[in-house]
């Protein structure tokens, strides 16, 4: 099964279990891969004067990781998993780190191998 087919079976709110069998959290975001994704664009410098423009300028673009990792996540597809097991409250899972999708998303890597949200 392709990475995109695996991602299509994942829904927000599903439990996520790492390779050791430890429940690490729940799916917060499912992002299918884009083979043409190469960079992450930074928000514009001038937030403007309205409240909506200010909120938009401070909104974090996903995925919130270093640019080289973000490009890889966007290219392959990923999950954002909400968890209380890391300080930032979320980790990212590359599509190719998903072992199976049944009643839960089972990973083939331990939690320690997952990049935390910045």
PDB file of N, CA and C in Angstrom:
ATOM      1  N   UNK A   1       0.849  -1.176   0.000  1.00  0.00           N
ATOM      2  CA  UNK A   1       0.000   0.000   0.000  1.00  0.00           C
ATOM      3  C   UNK A   1       0.901   1.249   0.000  1.00  0.00           C
ATOM      4  N   UNK A   2       0.557   2.232  -0.827  1.00  0.00           N
ATOM      5  CA  UNK A   2       1.380   3.438  -0.910  1.00  0.00           C
ATOM      6  C   UNK A   2       1.201   4.316   0.333  1.00  0.00           C
ATOM      7  N   UNK A   3       2.154   5.222   0.517  1.00  0.00           N
ATOM      8  CA  UNK A   3       2.086   6.134   1.664  1.00  0.00           C
ATOM      9  C   UNK A   3       0.806   6.968   1.616  1.00  0.00           C
ATOM     10  N   UNK A   4       0.406   7.385   0.434  1.00  0.00           N
ATOM     11  CA  UNK A   4      -0.805   8.198   0.299  1.00  0.00           C
ATOM     12  C   UNK A   4      -2.057   7.388   0.646  1.00  0.00           C
ATOM     13  N   UNK A   5      -2.074   6.107   0.270  1.00  0.00           N
ATOM     14  CA  UNK A   5      -3.210   5.254   0.626  1.00  0.00           C
ATOM     15  C   UNK A   5      -3.280   5.049   2.133  1.00  0.00           C
ATOM     16  N   UNK A   6      -2.118   4.879   2.763  1.00  0.00           N
ATOM     17  CA  UNK A   6      -2.076   4.729   4.224  1.00  0.00           C
ATOM     18  C   UNK A   6      -2.619   5.998   4.873  1.00  0.00           C
ATOM     19  N   UNK A   7      -2.150   7.166   4.428  1.00  0.00           N
ATOM     20  CA  UNK A   7      -2.623   8.433   5.004  1.00  0.00           C
ATOM     21  C   UNK A   7      -4.123   8.623   4.805  1.00  0.00           C
ATOM     22  N   UNK A   8      -4.662   8.142   3.701  1.00  0.00           N
ATOM     23  CA  UNK A   8      -6.091   8.319   3.436  1.00  0.00           C
ATOM     24  C   UNK A   8      -6.960   7.531   4.419  1.00  0.00           C
ATOM     25  N   UNK A   9      -6.380   6.565   5.120  1.00  0.00           N
ATOM     26  CA  UNK A   9      -7.127   5.769   6.101  1.00  0.00           C
ATOM     27  C   UNK A   9      -7.085   6.373   7.504  1.00  0.00           C
ATOM     28  N   UNK A  10      -6.285   7.434   7.677  1.00  0.00           N
ATOM     29  CA  UNK A  10      -6.125   8.064   8.991  1.00  0.00           C
ATOM     30  C   UNK A  10      -7.097   9.230   9.113  1.00  0.00           C
ATOM     31  N   UNK A  11      -7.735   9.346  10.272  1.00  0.00           N
ATOM     32  CA  UNK A  11      -8.625  10.475  10.535  1.00  0.00           C
ATOM     33  C   UNK A  11      -8.193  11.177  11.824  1.00  0.00           C
ATOM     34  N   UNK A  12      -8.545  12.444  11.928  1.00  0.00           N
ATOM     35  CA  UNK A  12      -8.210  13.181  13.144  1.00  0.00           C
ATOM     36  C   UNK A  12      -8.910  12.529  14.328  1.00  0.00           C
ATOM     37  N   UNK A  13      -8.216  12.541  15.450  1.00  0.00           N
ATOM     38  CA  UNK A  13      -8.755  11.950  16.671  1.00  0.00           C
ATOM     39  C   UNK A  13      -8.355  10.501  16.886  1.00  0.00           C
ATOM     40  N   UNK A  14      -7.777   9.853  15.861  1.00  0.00           N
ATOM     41  CA  UNK A  14      -7.353   8.458  16.028  1.00  0.00           C
ATOM     42  C   UNK A  14      -6.205   8.381  17.029  1.00  0.00           C
ATOM     43  N   UNK A  15      -6.158   7.296  17.790  1.00  0.00           N
ATOM     44  CA  UNK A  15      -5.051   7.049  18.717  1.00  0.00           C
ATOM     45  C   UNK A  15      -3.800   6.706  17.915  1.00  0.00           C
ATOM     46  N   UNK A  16      -2.643   7.080  18.446  1.00  0.00           N
ATOM     47  CA  UNK A  16      -1.359   6.767  17.809  1.00  0.00           C
ATOM     48  C   UNK A  16      -0.507   5.998  18.807  1.00  0.00           C
ATOM     49  N   UNK A  17       0.035   4.855  18.340  1.00  0.00           N
ATOM     50  CA  UNK A  17       0.834   3.966  19.176  1.00  0.00           C
ATOM     51  C   UNK A  17       2.201   3.796  18.515  1.00  0.00           C
ATOM     52  N   UNK A  18       3.273   3.958  19.296  1.00  0.00           N
ATOM     53  CA  UNK A  18       4.621   3.834  18.711  1.00  0.00           C
ATOM     54  C   UNK A  18       5.051   2.371  18.602  1.00  0.00           C
ATOM     55  N   UNK A  19       6.274   2.146  18.116  1.00  0.00           N
ATOM     56  CA  UNK A  19       6.781   0.797  17.872  1.00  0.00           C
ATOM     57  C   UNK A  19       6.862  -0.042  19.143  1.00  0.00           C
ATOM     58  N   UNK A  20       7.017   0.611  20.291  1.00  0.00           N
ATOM     59  CA  UNK A  20       7.102  -0.111  21.564  1.00  0.00           C
ATOM     60  C   UNK A  20       5.724  -0.462  22.128  1.00  0.00           C
ATOM     61  N   UNK A  21       4.658  -0.012  21.447  1.00  0.00           N
ATOM     62  CA  UNK A  21       3.306  -0.278  21.923  1.00  0.00           C
ATOM     63  C   UNK A  21       2.781   0.774  22.880  1.00  0.00           C
ATOM     64  N   UNK A  22       3.525   1.870  23.043  1.00  0.00           N
ATOM     65  CA  UNK A  22       3.120   2.948  23.942  1.00  0.00           C
ATOM     66  C   UNK A  22       2.188   3.908  23.213  1.00  0.00           C
ATOM     67  N   UNK A  23       1.026   4.174  23.817  1.00  0.00           N
ATOM     68  CA  UNK A  23       0.122   5.155  23.221  1.00  0.00           C
ATOM     69  C   UNK A  23       0.746   6.544  23.420  1.00  0.00           C
ATOM     70  N   UNK A  24       0.960   7.258  22.323  1.00  0.00           N
ATOM     71  CA  UNK A  24       1.640   8.555  22.437  1.00  0.00           C
ATOM     72  C   UNK A  24       0.707   9.749  22.299  1.00  0.00           C
ATOM     73  N   UNK A  25      -0.480   9.561  21.741  1.00  0.00           N
ATOM     74  CA  UNK A  25      -1.403  10.681  21.619  1.00  0.00           C
ATOM     75  C   UNK A  25      -2.456  10.423  20.562  1.00  0.00           C
ATOM     76  N   UNK A  26      -3.016  11.524  20.032  1.00  0.00           N
ATOM     77  CA  UNK A  26      -4.055  11.416  19.009  1.00  0.00           C
ATOM     78  C   UNK A  26      -3.706  12.278  17.802  1.00  0.00           C
ATOM     79  N   UNK A  27      -4.209  11.862  16.653  1.00  0.00           N
ATOM     80  CA  UNK A  27      -3.971  12.580  15.409  1.00  0.00           C
ATOM     81  C   UNK A  27      -4.688  13.920  15.449  1.00  0.00           C
ATOM     82  N   UNK A  28      -3.924  14.973  15.239  1.00  0.00           N
ATOM     83  CA  UNK A  28      -4.458  16.335  15.222  1.00  0.00           C
ATOM     84  C   UNK A  28      -4.618  16.840  13.790  1.00  0.00           C
ATOM     85  N   UNK A  29      -3.751  16.360  12.885  1.00  0.00           N
ATOM     86  CA  UNK A  29      -3.754  16.833  11.504  1.00  0.00           C
ATOM     87  C   UNK A  29      -3.226  15.733  10.600  1.00  0.00           C
ATOM     88  N   UNK A  30      -3.880  15.541   9.457  1.00  0.00           N
ATOM     89  CA  UNK A  30      -3.406  14.612   8.431  1.00  0.00           C
ATOM     90  C   UNK A  30      -3.094  15.442   7.200  1.00  0.00           C
ATOM     91  N   UNK A  31      -1.859  15.355   6.716  1.00  0.00           N
ATOM     92  CA  UNK A  31      -1.463  16.117   5.533  1.00  0.00           C
ATOM     93  C   UNK A  31      -0.925  15.153   4.489  1.00  0.00           C
ATOM     94  N   UNK A  32      -1.613  15.066   3.367  1.00  0.00           N
ATOM     95  CA  UNK A  32      -1.143  14.211   2.278  1.00  0.00           C
ATOM     96  C   UNK A  32       0.088  14.826   1.646  1.00  0.00           C
ATOM     97  N   UNK A  33       0.933  13.983   1.081  1.00  0.00           N
ATOM     98  CA  UNK A  33       2.174  14.439   0.476  1.00  0.00           C
ATOM     99  C   UNK A  33       1.963  15.184  -0.831  1.00  0.00           C
ATOM    100  N   UNK A  34       2.880  16.091  -1.115  1.00  0.00           N
ATOM    101  CA  UNK A  34       2.895  16.833  -2.366  1.00  0.00           C
ATOM    102  C   UNK A  34       4.285  16.674  -2.962  1.00  0.00           C
ATOM    103  N   UNK A  35       4.426  15.852  -4.013  1.00  0.00           N
ATOM    104  CA  UNK A  35       5.749  15.598  -4.577  1.00  0.00           C
ATOM    105  C   UNK A  35       6.441  16.865  -5.092  1.00  0.00           C
ATOM    106  N   UNK A  36       5.699  17.926  -5.308  1.00  0.00           N
ATOM    107  CA  UNK A  36       6.276  19.177  -5.802  1.00  0.00           C
ATOM    108  C   UNK A  36       6.666  20.133  -4.683  1.00  0.00           C
ATOM    109  N   UNK A  37       6.373  19.774  -3.433  1.00  0.00           N
ATOM    110  CA  UNK A  37       6.703  20.659  -2.306  1.00  0.00           C
ATOM    111  C   UNK A  37       8.211  20.681  -2.098  1.00  0.00           C
ATOM    112  N   UNK A  38       8.771  21.888  -2.060  1.00  0.00           N
ATOM    113  CA  UNK A  38      10.209  21.989  -1.854  1.00  0.00           C
ATOM    114  C   UNK A  38      10.579  22.964  -0.748  1.00  0.00           C
ATOM    115  N   UNK A  39       9.739  23.950  -0.479  1.00  0.00           N
ATOM    116  CA  UNK A  39      10.070  24.939   0.547  1.00  0.00           C
ATOM    117  C   UNK A  39       8.839  25.308   1.344  1.00  0.00           C
ATOM    118  N   UNK A  40       9.095  25.938   2.465  1.00  0.00           N
ATOM    119  CA  UNK A  40       8.033  26.483   3.296  1.00  0.00           C
ATOM    120  C   UNK A  40       8.169  27.984   3.228  1.00  0.00           C
ATOM    121  N   UNK A  41       7.086  28.688   2.904  1.00  0.00           N
ATOM    122  CA  UNK A  41       7.158  30.135   2.793  1.00  0.00           C
ATOM    123  C   UNK A  41       6.948  30.782   4.147  1.00  0.00           C
ATOM    124  N   UNK A  42       7.770  31.768   4.433  1.00  0.00           N
ATOM    125  CA  UNK A  42       7.635  32.519   5.681  1.00  0.00           C
ATOM    126  C   UNK A  42       6.512  33.526   5.535  1.00  0.00           C
ATOM    127  N   UNK A  43       5.834  33.881   6.634  1.00  0.00           N
ATOM    128  CA  UNK A  43       4.785  34.888   6.553  1.00  0.00           C
ATOM    129  C   UNK A  43       5.377  36.246   6.192  1.00  0.00           C
ATOM    130  N   UNK A  44       4.536  37.108   5.647  1.00  0.00           N
ATOM    131  CA  UNK A  44       4.992  38.439   5.265  1.00  0.00           C
ATOM    132  C   UNK A  44       5.402  39.230   6.499  1.00  0.00           C
ATOM    133  N   UNK A  45       6.287  40.210   6.312  1.00  0.00           N
ATOM    134  CA  UNK A  45       6.855  40.961   7.427  1.00  0.00           C
ATOM    135  C   UNK A  45       5.879  41.946   8.056  1.00  0.00           C
ATOM    136  N   UNK A  46       4.993  42.559   7.259  1.00  0.00           N
ATOM    137  CA  UNK A  46       4.086  43.576   7.769  1.00  0.00           C
ATOM    138  C   UNK A  46       2.749  42.955   8.143  1.00  0.00           C
ATOM    139  N   UNK A  47       2.426  42.918   9.447  1.00  0.00           N
ATOM    140  CA  UNK A  47       1.170  42.288   9.860  1.00  0.00           C
ATOM    141  C   UNK A  47      -0.059  43.142   9.570  1.00  0.00           C
ATOM    142  N   UNK A  48       0.108  44.419   9.192  1.00  0.00           N
ATOM    143  CA  UNK A  48      -1.051  45.266   8.943  1.00  0.00           C
ATOM    144  C   UNK A  48      -1.613  45.807  10.231  1.00  0.00           C
ATOM    145  N   UNK A  49      -2.762  46.439  10.139  1.00  0.00           N
ATOM    146  CA  UNK A  49      -3.289  47.098  11.320  1.00  0.00           C
ATOM    147  C   UNK A  49      -4.536  46.452  11.901  1.00  0.00           C
ATOM    148  N   UNK A  50      -5.227  45.611  11.128  1.00  0.00           N
ATOM    149  CA  UNK A  50      -6.449  45.027  11.670  1.00  0.00           C
ATOM    150  C   UNK A  50      -6.130  43.819  12.552  1.00  0.00           C
ATOM    151  N   UNK A  51      -7.035  43.485  13.437  1.00  0.00           N
ATOM    152  CA  UNK A  51      -6.855  42.337  14.325  1.00  0.00           C
ATOM    153  C   UNK A  51      -6.729  41.052  13.513  1.00  0.00           C
ATOM    154  N   UNK A  52      -7.562  40.879  12.478  1.00  0.00           N
ATOM    155  CA  UNK A  52      -7.486  39.681  11.638  1.00  0.00           C
ATOM    156  C   UNK A  52      -6.120  39.543  10.988  1.00  0.00           C
ATOM    157  N   UNK A  53      -5.566  40.660  10.487  1.00  0.00           N
ATOM    158  CA  UNK A  53      -4.254  40.608   9.855  1.00  0.00           C
ATOM    159  C   UNK A  53      -3.178  40.270  10.871  1.00  0.00           C
ATOM    160  N   UNK A  54      -3.304  40.789  12.095  1.00  0.00           N
ATOM    161  CA  UNK A  54      -2.335  40.506  13.144  1.00  0.00           C
ATOM    162  C   UNK A  54      -2.371  39.026  13.523  1.00  0.00           C
ATOM    163  N   UNK A  55      -3.574  38.477  13.693  1.00  0.00           N
ATOM    164  CA  UNK A  55      -3.723  37.059  14.027  1.00  0.00           C
ATOM    165  C   UNK A  55      -3.145  36.200  12.908  1.00  0.00           C
ATOM    166  N   UNK A  56      -3.446  36.559  11.662  1.00  0.00           N
ATOM    167  CA  UNK A  56      -2.951  35.792  10.525  1.00  0.00           C
ATOM    168  C   UNK A  56      -1.423  35.833  10.457  1.00  0.00           C
ATOM    169  N   UNK A  57      -0.824  36.977  10.772  1.00  0.00           N
ATOM    170  CA  UNK A  57       0.630  37.106  10.678  1.00  0.00           C
ATOM    171  C   UNK A  57       1.354  36.294  11.747  1.00  0.00           C
ATOM    172  N   UNK A  58       0.680  36.033  12.871  1.00  0.00           N
ATOM    173  CA  UNK A  58       1.315  35.262  13.939  1.00  0.00           C
ATOM    174  C   UNK A  58       0.946  33.791  13.888  1.00  0.00           C
ATOM    175  N   UNK A  59       0.037  33.421  12.989  1.00  0.00           N
ATOM    176  CA  UNK A  59      -0.347  32.019  12.854  1.00  0.00           C
ATOM    177  C   UNK A  59       0.861  31.210  12.386  1.00  0.00           C
ATOM    178  N   UNK A  60       1.016  30.039  12.955  1.00  0.00           N
ATOM    179  CA  UNK A  60       2.153  29.189  12.623  1.00  0.00           C
ATOM    180  C   UNK A  60       1.800  28.356  11.399  1.00  0.00           C
ATOM    181  N   UNK A  61       2.697  28.360  10.442  1.00  0.00           N
ATOM    182  CA  UNK A  61       2.524  27.506   9.274  1.00  0.00           C
ATOM    183  C   UNK A  61       2.870  26.079   9.676  1.00  0.00           C
ATOM    184  N   UNK A  62       2.136  25.131   9.136  1.00  0.00           N
ATOM    185  CA  UNK A  62       2.444  23.720   9.385  1.00  0.00           C
ATOM    186  C   UNK A  62       3.316  23.186   8.268  1.00  0.00           C
ATOM    187  N   UNK A  63       4.218  22.322   8.573  1.00  0.00           N
ATOM    188  CA  UNK A  63       4.625  21.850   9.889  1.00  0.00           C
ATOM    189  C   UNK A  63       5.599  22.819  10.557  1.00  0.00           C
ATOM    190  N   UNK A  64       5.513  22.922  11.861  1.00  0.00           N
ATOM    191  CA  UNK A  64       6.345  23.853  12.637  1.00  0.00           C
ATOM    192  C   UNK A  64       7.632  23.151  13.073  1.00  0.00           C
ATOM    193  N   UNK A  65       8.523  22.963  12.104  1.00  0.00           N
ATOM    194  CA  UNK A  65       9.825  22.308  12.299  1.00  0.00           C
ATOM    195  C   UNK A  65      10.844  23.032  11.428  1.00  0.00           C
ATOM    196  N   UNK A  66      12.138  22.735  11.572  1.00  0.00           N
ATOM    197  CA  UNK A  66      13.133  23.367  10.697  1.00  0.00           C
ATOM    198  C   UNK A  66      12.805  23.144   9.213  1.00  0.00           C
ATOM    199  N   UNK A  67      13.210  24.087   8.369  1.00  0.00           N
ATOM    200  CA  UNK A  67      12.830  24.106   6.952  1.00  0.00           C
ATOM    201  C   UNK A  67      13.169  22.815   6.207  1.00  0.00           C
ATOM    202  N   UNK A  68      14.346  22.222   6.447  1.00  0.00           N
ATOM    203  CA  UNK A  68      14.706  21.015   5.712  1.00  0.00           C
ATOM    204  C   UNK A  68      13.783  19.848   6.058  1.00  0.00           C
ATOM    205  N   UNK A  69      13.422  19.725   7.336  1.00  0.00           N
ATOM    206  CA  UNK A  69      12.493  18.677   7.753  1.00  0.00           C
ATOM    207  C   UNK A  69      11.083  18.994   7.255  1.00  0.00           C
ATOM    208  N   UNK A  70      10.694  20.260   7.294  1.00  0.00           N
ATOM    209  CA  UNK A  70       9.371  20.665   6.806  1.00  0.00           C
ATOM    210  C   UNK A  70       9.210  20.286   5.334  1.00  0.00           C
ATOM    211  N   UNK A  71      10.239  20.516   4.537  1.00  0.00           N
ATOM    212  CA  UNK A  71      10.173  20.169   3.120  1.00  0.00           C
ATOM    213  C   UNK A  71       9.966  18.665   2.946  1.00  0.00           C
ATOM    214  N   UNK A  72      10.671  17.875   3.754  1.00  0.00           N
ATOM    215  CA  UNK A  72      10.521  16.414   3.678  1.00  0.00           C
ATOM    216  C   UNK A  72       9.118  15.979   4.094  1.00  0.00           C
ATOM    217  N   UNK A  73       8.605  16.555   5.183  1.00  0.00           N
ATOM    218  CA  UNK A  73       7.251  16.232   5.646  1.00  0.00           C
ATOM    219  C   UNK A  73       6.216  16.583   4.581  1.00  0.00           C
ATOM    220  N   UNK A  74       6.346  17.768   3.985  1.00  0.00           N
ATOM    221  CA  UNK A  74       5.395  18.207   2.969  1.00  0.00           C
ATOM    222  C   UNK A  74       5.472  17.329   1.725  1.00  0.00           C
ATOM    223  N   UNK A  75       6.662  16.875   1.404  1.00  0.00           N
ATOM    224  CA  UNK A  75       6.856  16.044   0.224  1.00  0.00           C
ATOM    225  C   UNK A  75       6.241  14.658   0.405  1.00  0.00           C
ATOM    226  N   UNK A  76       6.492  14.027   1.551  1.00  0.00           N
ATOM    227  CA  UNK A  76       6.036  12.649   1.765  1.00  0.00           C
ATOM    228  C   UNK A  76       4.640  12.547   2.357  1.00  0.00           C
ATOM    229  N   UNK A  77       4.194  13.599   3.053  1.00  0.00           N
ATOM    230  CA  UNK A  77       2.946  13.543   3.803  1.00  0.00           C
ATOM    231  C   UNK A  77       3.260  13.231   5.250  1.00  0.00           C
ATOM    232  N   UNK A  78       2.390  13.662   6.156  1.00  0.00           N
ATOM    233  CA  UNK A  78       2.680  13.487   7.575  1.00  0.00           C
ATOM    234  C   UNK A  78       1.421  13.569   8.417  1.00  0.00           C
ATOM    235  N   UNK A  79       1.599  13.184   9.683  1.00  0.00           N
ATOM    236  CA  UNK A  79       0.585  13.364  10.714  1.00  0.00           C
ATOM    237  C   UNK A  79       1.157  14.299  11.762  1.00  0.00           C
ATOM    238  N   UNK A  80       0.314  15.142  12.321  1.00  0.00           N
ATOM    239  CA  UNK A  80       0.683  15.899  13.520  1.00  0.00           C
ATOM    240  C   UNK A  80      -0.075  15.229  14.649  1.00  0.00           C
ATOM    241  N   UNK A  81       0.658  14.828  15.688  1.00  0.00           N
ATOM    242  CA  UNK A  81       0.067  14.080  16.791  1.00  0.00           C
ATOM    243  C   UNK A  81       0.147  14.907  18.069  1.00  0.00           C
ATOM    244  N   UNK A  82      -1.003  15.170  18.670  1.00  0.00           N
ATOM    245  CA  UNK A  82      -1.043  15.860  19.965  1.00  0.00           C
ATOM    246  C   UNK A  82      -0.651  14.855  21.040  1.00  0.00           C
ATOM    247  N   UNK A  83       0.269  15.275  21.911  1.00  0.00           N
ATOM    248  CA  UNK A  83       0.755  14.374  22.953  1.00  0.00           C
ATOM    249  C   UNK A  83       1.192  15.161  24.175  1.00  0.00           C
ATOM    250  N   UNK A  84       1.063  14.538  25.335  1.00  0.00           N
ATOM    251  CA  UNK A  84       1.578  15.166  26.559  1.00  0.00           C
ATOM    252  C   UNK A  84       2.949  14.599  26.900  1.00  0.00           C
ATOM    253  N   UNK A  85       3.530  13.835  25.982  1.00  0.00           N
ATOM    254  CA  UNK A  85       4.822  13.191  26.227  1.00  0.00           C
ATOM    255  C   UNK A  85       6.024  14.022  25.770  1.00  0.00           C
ATOM    256  N   UNK A  86       5.765  15.174  25.132  1.00  0.00           N
ATOM    257  CA  UNK A  86       6.853  16.094  24.771  1.00  0.00           C
ATOM    258  C   UNK A  86       6.474  17.493  25.249  1.00  0.00           C
ATOM    259  N   UNK A  87       7.482  18.297  25.506  1.00  0.00           N
ATOM    260  CA  UNK A  87       7.282  19.633  26.068  1.00  0.00           C
ATOM    261  C   UNK A  87       6.391  20.519  25.192  1.00  0.00           C
ATOM    262  N   UNK A  88       6.534  20.425  23.864  1.00  0.00           N
ATOM    263  CA  UNK A  88       5.790  21.311  22.963  1.00  0.00           C
ATOM    264  C   UNK A  88       4.355  20.864  22.708  1.00  0.00           C
ATOM    265  N   UNK A  89       4.006  19.645  23.108  1.00  0.00           N
ATOM    266  CA  UNK A  89       2.626  19.188  22.984  1.00  0.00           C
ATOM    267  C   UNK A  89       2.268  18.514  21.675  1.00  0.00           C
ATOM    268  N   UNK A  90       3.243  18.386  20.753  1.00  0.00           N
ATOM    269  CA  UNK A  90       2.940  17.717  19.484  1.00  0.00           C
ATOM    270  C   UNK A  90       4.217  17.179  18.849  1.00  0.00           C
ATOM    271  N   UNK A  91       4.048  16.086  18.103  1.00  0.00           N
ATOM    272  CA  UNK A  91       5.132  15.511  17.309  1.00  0.00           C
ATOM    273  C   UNK A  91       4.607  15.289  15.896  1.00  0.00           C
ATOM    274  N   UNK A  92       5.548  15.114  14.967  1.00  0.00           N
ATOM    275  CA  UNK A  92       5.198  14.852  13.566  1.00  0.00           C
ATOM    276  C   UNK A  92       5.630  13.437  13.192  1.00  0.00           C
ATOM    277  N   UNK A  93       4.794  12.789  12.377  1.00  0.00           N
ATOM    278  CA  UNK A  93       5.054  11.432  11.914  1.00  0.00           C
ATOM    279  C   UNK A  93       5.097  11.454  10.393  1.00  0.00           C
ATOM    280  N   UNK A  94       6.230  11.063   9.813  1.00  0.00           N
ATOM    281  CA  UNK A  94       6.319  10.930   8.360  1.00  0.00           C
ATOM    282  C   UNK A  94       5.425   9.781   7.912  1.00  0.00           C
ATOM    283  N   UNK A  95       4.858   9.902   6.742  1.00  0.00           N
ATOM    284  CA  UNK A  95       3.975   8.850   6.234  1.00  0.00           C
ATOM    285  C   UNK A  95       4.661   7.494   6.219  1.00  0.00           C
ATOM    286  N   UNK A  96       5.972   7.470   5.914  1.00  0.00           N
ATOM    287  CA  UNK A  96       6.669   6.177   5.845  1.00  0.00           C
ATOM    288  C   UNK A  96       7.015   5.600   7.215  1.00  0.00           C
ATOM    289  N   UNK A  97       6.657   6.297   8.300  1.00  0.00           N
ATOM    290  CA  UNK A  97       6.861   5.766   9.653  1.00  0.00           C
ATOM    291  C   UNK A  97       5.607   5.071  10.181  1.00  0.00           C
ATOM    292  N   UNK A  98       4.551   5.037   9.382  1.00  0.00           N
ATOM    293  CA  UNK A  98       3.306   4.385   9.775  1.00  0.00           C
ATOM    294  C   UNK A  98       3.364   2.920   9.370  1.00  0.00           C
ATOM    295  N   UNK A  99       3.220   2.019  10.342  1.00  0.00           N
ATOM    296  CA  UNK A  99       3.257   0.576  10.069  1.00  0.00           C
ATOM    297  C   UNK A  99       1.888   0.095   9.592  1.00  0.00           C
ATOM    298  N   UNK A 100       0.834   0.389  10.376  1.00  0.00           N
ATOM    299  CA  UNK A 100      -0.524  -0.034  10.026  1.00  0.00           C
ATOM    300  C   UNK A 100      -1.528   0.998  10.516  1.00  0.00           C
ATOM    301  N   UNK A 101      -2.707   0.947   9.905  1.00  0.00           N
ATOM    302  CA  UNK A 101      -3.830   1.768  10.356  1.00  0.00           C
ATOM    303  C   UNK A 101      -5.018   0.836  10.512  1.00  0.00           C
ATOM    304  N   UNK A 102      -5.447   0.659  11.766  1.00  0.00           N
ATOM    305  CA  UNK A 102      -6.627  -0.157  12.059  1.00  0.00           C
ATOM    306  C   UNK A 102      -7.550   0.724  12.898  1.00  0.00           C
ATOM    307  N   UNK A 103      -7.786   0.328  14.140  1.00  0.00           N
ATOM    308  CA  UNK A 103      -8.531   1.193  15.056  1.00  0.00           C
ATOM    309  C   UNK A 103      -7.632   2.292  15.602  1.00  0.00           C
ATOM    310  N   UNK A 104      -6.334   2.129  15.383  1.00  0.00           N
ATOM    311  CA  UNK A 104      -5.329   3.106  15.805  1.00  0.00           C
ATOM    312  C   UNK A 104      -4.246   3.170  14.736  1.00  0.00           C
ATOM    313  N   UNK A 105      -3.452   4.226  14.791  1.00  0.00           N
ATOM    314  CA  UNK A 105      -2.294   4.350  13.902  1.00  0.00           C
ATOM    315  C   UNK A 105      -1.111   3.745  14.635  1.00  0.00           C
ATOM    316  N   UNK A 106      -0.535   2.700  14.069  1.00  0.00           N
ATOM    317  CA  UNK A 106       0.617   2.039  14.685  1.00  0.00           C
ATOM    318  C   UNK A 106       1.870   2.399  13.900  1.00  0.00           C
ATOM    319  N   UNK A 107       2.870   2.873  14.638  1.00  0.00           N
ATOM    320  CA  UNK A 107       4.107   3.329  14.014  1.00  0.00           C
ATOM    321  C   UNK A 107       5.163   2.240  14.055  1.00  0.00           C
ATOM    322  N   UNK A 108       6.161   2.356  13.172  1.00  0.00           N
ATOM    323  CA  UNK A 108       7.275   1.409  13.209  1.00  0.00           C
ATOM    324  C   UNK A 108       8.535   2.049  13.790  1.00  0.00           C
ATOM    325  N   UNK A 109       8.347   3.178  14.496  1.00  0.00           N
ATOM    326  CA  UNK A 109       9.456   3.860  15.180  1.00  0.00           C
ATOM    327  C   UNK A 109       9.018   4.221  16.599  1.00  0.00           C
ATOM    328  N   UNK A 110       9.979   4.393  17.519  1.00  0.00           N
ATOM    329  CA  UNK A 110       9.624   4.829  18.878  1.00  0.00           C
ATOM    330  C   UNK A 110       9.363   6.326  18.929  1.00  0.00           C
ATOM    331  N   UNK A 111       8.684   6.759  19.956  1.00  0.00           N
ATOM    332  CA  UNK A 111       8.392   8.191  20.158  1.00  0.00           C
ATOM    333  C   UNK A 111       9.650   9.032  20.069  1.00  0.00           C
ATOM    334  N   UNK A 112      10.757   8.539  20.608  1.00  0.00           N
ATOM    335  CA  UNK A 112      12.015   9.306  20.636  1.00  0.00           C
ATOM    336  C   UNK A 112      12.513   9.671  19.232  1.00  0.00           C
ATOM    337  N   UNK A 113      12.085   8.930  18.204  1.00  0.00           N
ATOM    338  CA  UNK A 113      12.513   9.203  16.829  1.00  0.00           C
ATOM    339  C   UNK A 113      11.639  10.230  16.119  1.00  0.00           C
ATOM    340  N   UNK A 114      10.567  10.679  16.757  1.00  0.00           N
ATOM    341  CA  UNK A 114       9.652  11.614  16.112  1.00  0.00           C
ATOM    342  C   UNK A 114      10.032  13.058  16.427  1.00  0.00           C
ATOM    343  N   UNK A 115      10.089  13.921  15.402  1.00  0.00           N
ATOM    344  CA  UNK A 115      10.428  15.322  15.657  1.00  0.00           C
ATOM    345  C   UNK A 115       9.298  16.042  16.367  1.00  0.00           C
ATOM    346  N   UNK A 116       9.659  16.800  17.384  1.00  0.00           N
ATOM    347  CA  UNK A 116       8.670  17.576  18.136  1.00  0.00           C
ATOM    348  C   UNK A 116       8.387  18.899  17.429  1.00  0.00           C
ATOM    349  N   UNK A 117       7.174  19.387  17.622  1.00  0.00           N
ATOM    350  CA  UNK A 117       6.810  20.695  17.113  1.00  0.00           C
ATOM    351  C   UNK A 117       7.710  21.732  17.795  1.00  0.00           C
ATOM    352  N   UNK A 118       8.075  22.780  17.062  1.00  0.00           N
ATOM    353  CA  UNK A 118       8.947  23.807  17.662  1.00  0.00           C
ATOM    354  C   UNK A 118       8.143  24.818  18.446  1.00  0.00           C
TER     355      UNK A 118
END
